[in-house]
Amino acid sequence: MATGVNLGSLASAMDNAEFVLIDGVVFETEYTRIPDERTAADDVVLEVKHGDTEVTFTREEMDDAEHLGEGVYLLKSGAQLRFLSSATIH
């Protein structure tokens, strides 16, 4: 996968994310496929939705994502993603 990011860190962030903040807009996670050695470059690994807007990311787009901390990743395209999960209040 990526050389610029720890696969375990990205996989964990993606796997636990119910929402993804993309350049300041909150999207709901619709589909996640954790990238691994069997994932082709053009395979969709993340699909998110905000209203009628759907955005997909391929493994190639996620490759070499730079981890900025606290679930935040900078893609080589310049997009900034922050993986979020909702808090449960008891």
Protein backbone atom coordinates (compact mmCIF):
# COMPACT_ATOMS: atom_id res chain seq x y z
CA MET A 1 0.00 0.00 0.00
CA ALA A 2 1.32 3.41 0.87
CA THR A 3 4.84 4.34 1.76
CA GLY A 4 3.86 7.62 3.44
CA VAL A 5 1.36 6.20 5.88
CA ASN A 6 1.22 3.27 8.27
CA LEU A 7 -1.31 0.84 6.76
CA GLY A 8 -2.47 -0.23 10.22
CA SER A 9 -3.14 3.37 11.21
CA LEU A 10 -5.08 4.15 8.02
CA ALA A 11 -6.95 0.84 8.16
CA SER A 12 -7.98 1.46 11.76
CA ALA A 13 -9.11 5.02 11.01
CA MET A 14 -11.13 3.90 7.99
CA ASP A 15 -12.61 0.84 9.69
CA ASN A 16 -13.97 2.76 12.68
CA ALA A 17 -15.21 5.81 10.74
CA GLU A 18 -18.91 6.49 10.55
CA PHE A 19 -18.23 9.91 9.07
CA VAL A 20 -15.45 11.52 7.04
CA LEU A 21 -14.69 15.23 7.12
CA ILE A 22 -13.44 16.18 3.64
CA ASP A 23 -12.10 19.69 3.28
CA GLY A 24 -14.50 20.94 5.97
CA VAL A 25 -17.64 19.06 4.85
CA VAL A 26 -19.00 16.10 6.86
CA PHE A 27 -19.88 13.03 4.77
CA GLU A 28 -21.48 9.83 6.03
CA THR A 29 -19.55 6.64 5.33
CA GLU A 30 -21.48 4.42 2.92
CA TYR A 31 -18.81 1.82 2.02
CA THR A 32 -15.32 0.98 3.25
CA ARG A 33 -12.84 -1.57 1.95
CA ILE A 34 -9.60 -1.67 3.87
CA PRO A 35 -6.76 -1.53 1.28
CA ASP A 36 -4.37 -4.48 1.28
CA GLU A 37 -1.96 -6.19 -1.13
CA ARG A 38 -4.89 -7.73 -3.08
CA THR A 39 -6.59 -4.37 -3.67
CA ALA A 40 -6.07 -3.08 -7.22
CA ALA A 41 -5.20 0.58 -7.79
CA ASP A 42 -8.64 1.33 -9.29
CA ASP A 43 -10.66 -0.51 -6.62
CA VAL A 44 -12.99 1.74 -4.62
CA VAL A 45 -11.94 1.68 -0.96
CA LEU A 46 -14.11 4.49 0.41
CA GLU A 47 -17.53 5.80 -0.56
CA VAL A 48 -19.13 8.66 1.35
CA LYS A 49 -22.33 10.69 0.97
CA HIS A 50 -23.48 14.19 1.93
CA GLY A 51 -27.07 14.83 0.86
CA ASP A 52 -27.21 14.02 -2.85
CA THR A 53 -23.42 14.24 -3.23
CA GLU A 54 -21.48 10.97 -3.33
CA VAL A 55 -17.70 10.84 -3.35
CA THR A 56 -15.57 7.76 -3.93
CA PHE A 57 -11.87 7.17 -3.38
CA THR A 58 -9.79 4.46 -5.01
CA ARG A 59 -6.84 2.66 -3.48
CA GLU A 60 -4.54 4.66 -5.75
CA GLU A 61 -5.95 7.93 -4.36
CA MET A 62 -5.34 6.70 -0.80
CA ASP A 63 -1.79 5.49 -1.54
CA ASP A 64 0.89 7.64 0.04
CA ALA A 65 -1.62 9.53 2.18
CA GLU A 66 0.24 11.62 4.72
CA HIS A 67 -0.89 11.06 8.33
CA LEU A 68 -1.26 14.45 10.00
CA GLY A 69 -2.47 13.07 13.35
CA GLU A 70 -5.77 12.28 15.10
CA GLY A 71 -7.39 10.49 12.15
CA VAL A 72 -6.43 13.22 9.65
CA TYR A 73 -4.82 12.29 6.33
CA LEU A 74 -3.64 14.45 3.45
CA LEU A 75 -4.02 12.80 0.05
CA LYS A 76 -1.60 13.47 -2.79
CA SER A 77 -4.52 15.21 -4.58
CA GLY A 78 -4.46 17.81 -1.79
CA ALA A 79 -7.75 16.68 -0.23
CA GLN A 80 -7.71 16.45 3.55
CA LEU A 81 -9.73 13.64 5.14
CA ARG A 82 -10.53 13.23 8.82
CA PHE A 83 -12.09 9.94 9.84
CA LEU A 84 -14.69 10.35 12.61
CA SER A 85 -16.91 8.08 14.67
CA SER A 86 -19.97 9.24 16.54
CA ALA A 87 -19.81 9.35 20.31
CA THR A 88 -22.38 7.43 22.30
CA ILE A 89 -23.76 9.21 25.35
CA HIS A 90 -25.06 7.06 28.19
